[in-house]
Amino acid sequence: MDTIEIRVSWDRLREHVPIDDRIEFETGSLIHVRNLLSYFVVNGTGDYMPFEKAVKKVGQLPETQLLELRVEFIRLLSESAVPNANGAA
């Protein structure tokens, strides 16, 4: 299985991921995890893949790899958080 690379940013989350997908991701259901992560999959040149193509690629992962990618996503998202002007995250 090919390695899947993701590039995570709050801007992409806000601008491209529907609220329903964000809420459903919190349930931890595999289909919802697959869908949300697919917005962040990049190709070999670092460009975001089209969503439909990314869904197919992520959908081919074994469950353990999908869950590892979920953990990586959460870690990267928390690292990319920028505090508000008042210092709150």
N, C-alpha and C. Protein backbone atom coordinates (compact mmCIF):
# COMPACT_ATOMS: atom_id res chain seq x y z
N MET A 1 0.85 -1.19 0.00
CA MET A 1 0.00 0.00 0.00
C MET A 1 0.89 1.24 0.00
N ASP A 2 0.56 2.19 -0.84
CA ASP A 2 1.28 3.45 -0.89
C ASP A 2 1.05 4.24 0.39
N THR A 3 2.04 5.04 0.73
CA THR A 3 1.90 5.93 1.87
C THR A 3 1.01 7.10 1.47
N ILE A 4 0.18 7.52 2.38
CA ILE A 4 -0.68 8.67 2.13
C ILE A 4 -0.14 9.83 2.94
N GLU A 5 0.06 10.94 2.27
CA GLU A 5 0.56 12.14 2.94
C GLU A 5 -0.58 13.14 3.06
N ILE A 6 -0.67 13.77 4.23
CA ILE A 6 -1.68 14.80 4.43
C ILE A 6 -0.99 16.11 4.81
N ARG A 7 -1.62 17.21 4.43
CA ARG A 7 -1.17 18.54 4.82
C ARG A 7 -2.37 19.23 5.47
N VAL A 8 -2.22 19.54 6.72
CA VAL A 8 -3.34 20.02 7.53
C VAL A 8 -3.19 21.50 7.84
N SER A 9 -4.28 22.22 7.68
CA SER A 9 -4.30 23.63 8.09
C SER A 9 -5.72 24.00 8.52
N TRP A 10 -5.79 24.93 9.44
CA TRP A 10 -7.11 25.40 9.88
C TRP A 10 -7.83 26.10 8.74
N ASP A 11 -7.10 26.82 7.89
CA ASP A 11 -7.74 27.50 6.76
C ASP A 11 -8.43 26.49 5.85
N ARG A 12 -7.75 25.40 5.53
CA ARG A 12 -8.37 24.39 4.67
C ARG A 12 -9.58 23.77 5.36
N LEU A 13 -9.46 23.51 6.65
CA LEU A 13 -10.58 22.96 7.40
C LEU A 13 -11.79 23.89 7.33
N ARG A 14 -11.57 25.16 7.57
CA ARG A 14 -12.66 26.14 7.56
C ARG A 14 -13.25 26.36 6.17
N GLU A 15 -12.40 26.38 5.15
CA GLU A 15 -12.84 26.74 3.81
C GLU A 15 -13.37 25.58 2.98
N HIS A 16 -12.96 24.34 3.27
CA HIS A 16 -13.30 23.23 2.39
C HIS A 16 -14.09 22.10 3.03
N VAL A 17 -14.09 22.02 4.34
CA VAL A 17 -14.75 20.89 5.00
C VAL A 17 -16.11 21.33 5.54
N PRO A 18 -17.18 20.72 5.03
CA PRO A 18 -18.52 21.07 5.53
C PRO A 18 -18.65 20.79 7.03
N ILE A 19 -19.44 21.58 7.69
CA ILE A 19 -19.67 21.43 9.13
C ILE A 19 -20.13 20.01 9.45
N ASP A 20 -21.02 19.45 8.65
CA ASP A 20 -21.51 18.09 8.92
C ASP A 20 -20.36 17.08 8.93
N ASP A 21 -19.41 17.21 8.01
CA ASP A 21 -18.25 16.30 7.99
C ASP A 21 -17.41 16.47 9.24
N ARG A 22 -17.28 17.71 9.71
CA ARG A 22 -16.50 17.96 10.93
C ARG A 22 -17.18 17.34 12.14
N ILE A 23 -18.48 17.49 12.23
CA ILE A 23 -19.24 16.92 13.35
C ILE A 23 -19.19 15.40 13.31
N GLU A 24 -19.40 14.83 12.12
CA GLU A 24 -19.41 13.38 11.98
C GLU A 24 -18.05 12.78 12.29
N PHE A 25 -16.96 13.50 12.00
CA PHE A 25 -15.61 13.03 12.30
C PHE A 25 -15.48 12.75 13.79
N GLU A 26 -16.12 13.57 14.60
CA GLU A 26 -16.04 13.42 16.05
C GLU A 26 -16.64 12.10 16.54
N THR A 27 -17.54 11.51 15.76
CA THR A 27 -18.14 10.24 16.17
C THR A 27 -17.14 9.10 16.08
N GLY A 28 -16.11 9.26 15.25
CA GLY A 28 -15.09 8.23 15.10
C GLY A 28 -15.46 7.13 14.14
N SER A 29 -16.62 7.22 13.51
CA SER A 29 -17.02 6.20 12.53
C SER A 29 -16.02 6.18 11.38
N LEU A 30 -15.66 5.00 10.92
CA LEU A 30 -14.63 4.87 9.88
C LEU A 30 -14.97 5.66 8.62
N ILE A 31 -16.22 5.62 8.20
CA ILE A 31 -16.59 6.33 6.97
C ILE A 31 -16.42 7.84 7.15
N HIS A 32 -16.72 8.34 8.32
CA HIS A 32 -16.58 9.78 8.56
C HIS A 32 -15.13 10.19 8.71
N VAL A 33 -14.34 9.32 9.31
CA VAL A 33 -12.90 9.58 9.40
C VAL A 33 -12.31 9.61 7.99
N ARG A 34 -12.67 8.62 7.17
CA ARG A 34 -12.18 8.57 5.78
C ARG A 34 -12.56 9.85 5.03
N ASN A 35 -13.80 10.26 5.17
CA ASN A 35 -14.27 11.45 4.44
C ASN A 35 -13.51 12.70 4.84
N LEU A 36 -13.37 12.95 6.12
CA LEU A 36 -12.70 14.18 6.55
C LEU A 36 -11.22 14.17 6.16
N LEU A 37 -10.55 13.07 6.37
CA LEU A 37 -9.13 13.01 6.02
C LEU A 37 -8.90 13.22 4.54
N SER A 38 -9.86 12.84 3.72
CA SER A 38 -9.71 12.95 2.27
C SER A 38 -9.57 14.40 1.79
N TYR A 39 -10.02 15.35 2.56
CA TYR A 39 -9.87 16.76 2.20
C TYR A 39 -8.41 17.22 2.30
N PHE A 40 -7.58 16.45 2.99
CA PHE A 40 -6.21 16.87 3.29
C PHE A 40 -5.12 16.03 2.62
N VAL A 41 -5.51 15.10 1.78
CA VAL A 41 -4.53 14.23 1.10
C VAL A 41 -3.85 15.02 -0.02
N VAL A 42 -2.53 14.93 -0.05
CA VAL A 42 -1.76 15.61 -1.09
C VAL A 42 -1.07 14.58 -1.98
N ASN A 43 -0.79 15.01 -3.21
CA ASN A 43 -0.11 14.13 -4.16
C ASN A 43 1.40 14.29 -4.00
N GLY A 44 2.16 13.67 -4.89
CA GLY A 44 3.62 13.69 -4.81
C GLY A 44 4.24 15.07 -4.93
N THR A 45 3.51 16.03 -5.51
CA THR A 45 4.04 17.39 -5.65
C THR A 45 3.54 18.31 -4.54
N GLY A 46 2.77 17.76 -3.59
CA GLY A 46 2.29 18.55 -2.46
C GLY A 46 0.99 19.28 -2.70
N ASP A 47 0.35 19.04 -3.85
CA ASP A 47 -0.95 19.66 -4.14
C ASP A 47 -2.06 18.78 -3.58
N TYR A 48 -3.12 19.42 -3.12
CA TYR A 48 -4.26 18.65 -2.62
C TYR A 48 -4.86 17.85 -3.76
N MET A 49 -5.18 16.59 -3.47
CA MET A 49 -5.82 15.73 -4.46
C MET A 49 -7.30 16.08 -4.55
N PRO A 50 -7.91 15.86 -5.71
CA PRO A 50 -9.37 16.02 -5.78
C PRO A 50 -10.03 15.10 -4.74
N PHE A 51 -11.07 15.59 -4.12
CA PHE A 51 -11.72 14.88 -3.01
C PHE A 51 -12.09 13.45 -3.40
N GLU A 52 -12.74 13.26 -4.54
CA GLU A 52 -13.21 11.93 -4.94
C GLU A 52 -12.05 10.95 -5.09
N LYS A 53 -10.94 11.42 -5.65
CA LYS A 53 -9.76 10.57 -5.82
C LYS A 53 -9.15 10.23 -4.45
N ALA A 54 -9.12 11.22 -3.58
CA ALA A 54 -8.56 11.02 -2.24
C ALA A 54 -9.42 10.03 -1.44
N VAL A 55 -10.74 10.11 -1.58
CA VAL A 55 -11.63 9.19 -0.87
C VAL A 55 -11.31 7.75 -1.27
N LYS A 56 -11.10 7.54 -2.56
CA LYS A 56 -10.78 6.18 -3.03
C LYS A 56 -9.44 5.71 -2.46
N LYS A 57 -8.47 6.61 -2.43
CA LYS A 57 -7.15 6.24 -1.93
C LYS A 57 -7.20 5.95 -0.42
N VAL A 58 -7.83 6.82 0.34
CA VAL A 58 -7.92 6.62 1.79
C VAL A 58 -8.76 5.38 2.08
N GLY A 59 -9.80 5.15 1.27
CA GLY A 59 -10.67 4.01 1.46
C GLY A 59 -9.99 2.67 1.26
N GLN A 60 -8.82 2.66 0.66
CA GLN A 60 -8.08 1.41 0.44
C GLN A 60 -7.16 1.07 1.62
N LEU A 61 -7.06 1.97 2.58
CA LEU A 61 -6.19 1.71 3.73
C LEU A 61 -6.79 0.65 4.65
N PRO A 62 -5.94 -0.17 5.26
CA PRO A 62 -6.43 -1.04 6.33
C PRO A 62 -6.87 -0.16 7.52
N GLU A 63 -7.75 -0.69 8.32
CA GLU A 63 -8.30 0.07 9.44
C GLU A 63 -7.22 0.64 10.36
N THR A 64 -6.19 -0.14 10.65
CA THR A 64 -5.15 0.34 11.56
C THR A 64 -4.44 1.56 10.98
N GLN A 65 -4.18 1.56 9.67
CA GLN A 65 -3.52 2.72 9.05
C GLN A 65 -4.44 3.93 9.03
N LEU A 66 -5.73 3.70 8.79
CA LEU A 66 -6.70 4.81 8.80
C LEU A 66 -6.72 5.47 10.17
N LEU A 67 -6.74 4.66 11.21
CA LEU A 67 -6.78 5.22 12.56
C LEU A 67 -5.47 5.91 12.92
N GLU A 68 -4.34 5.39 12.44
CA GLU A 68 -3.06 6.08 12.64
C GLU A 68 -3.06 7.43 11.93
N LEU A 69 -3.63 7.48 10.73
CA LEU A 69 -3.71 8.73 9.98
C LEU A 69 -4.62 9.73 10.70
N ARG A 70 -5.66 9.22 11.34
CA ARG A 70 -6.55 10.09 12.13
C ARG A 70 -5.78 10.74 13.29
N VAL A 71 -4.98 9.94 13.98
CA VAL A 71 -4.17 10.47 15.08
C VAL A 71 -3.20 11.52 14.55
N GLU A 72 -2.57 11.23 13.42
CA GLU A 72 -1.64 12.19 12.80
C GLU A 72 -2.36 13.48 12.42
N PHE A 73 -3.57 13.36 11.88
CA PHE A 73 -4.36 14.54 11.52
C PHE A 73 -4.62 15.41 12.75
N ILE A 74 -5.07 14.79 13.82
CA ILE A 74 -5.37 15.54 15.04
C ILE A 74 -4.12 16.22 15.58
N ARG A 75 -2.99 15.51 15.56
CA ARG A 75 -1.73 16.09 16.03
C ARG A 75 -1.34 17.30 15.17
N LEU A 76 -1.39 17.13 13.86
CA LEU A 76 -1.01 18.23 12.96
C LEU A 76 -1.95 19.42 13.10
N LEU A 77 -3.23 19.15 13.28
CA LEU A 77 -4.19 20.23 13.43
C LEU A 77 -3.93 21.01 14.72
N SER A 78 -3.63 20.29 15.79
CA SER A 78 -3.36 20.98 17.06
C SER A 78 -2.06 21.78 16.97
N GLU A 79 -1.07 21.27 16.24
CA GLU A 79 0.19 22.00 16.08
C GLU A 79 0.02 23.24 15.21
N SER A 80 -0.96 23.22 14.31
CA SER A 80 -1.14 24.36 13.42
C SER A 80 -2.05 25.44 14.01
N ALA A 81 -2.57 25.18 15.21
CA ALA A 81 -3.47 26.16 15.85
C ALA A 81 -2.70 27.43 16.15
N VAL A 82 -3.32 28.53 15.82
CA VAL A 82 -2.70 29.84 16.07
C VAL A 82 -3.52 30.52 17.14
N PRO A 83 -2.89 30.97 18.23
CA PRO A 83 -3.65 31.66 19.29
C PRO A 83 -4.32 32.92 18.76
N ASN A 84 -5.48 33.22 19.35
CA ASN A 84 -6.17 34.49 19.04
C ASN A 84 -5.34 35.64 19.58
N ALA A 85 -5.72 36.84 19.20
CA ALA A 85 -4.98 38.04 19.63
C ALA A 85 -4.93 38.15 21.16
N ASN A 86 -5.95 37.62 21.86
CA ASN A 86 -5.95 37.72 23.32
C ASN A 86 -5.16 36.59 23.98
N GLY A 87 -4.52 35.72 23.13
CA GLY A 87 -3.69 34.66 23.66
C GLY A 87 -4.40 33.33 23.82
N ALA A 88 -5.73 33.30 23.62
CA ALA A 88 -6.46 32.05 23.72
C ALA A 88 -6.31 31.26 22.43
N ALA A 89 -6.29 29.95 22.56
CA ALA A 89 -6.16 29.09 21.37
C ALA A 89 -7.47 28.96 20.65
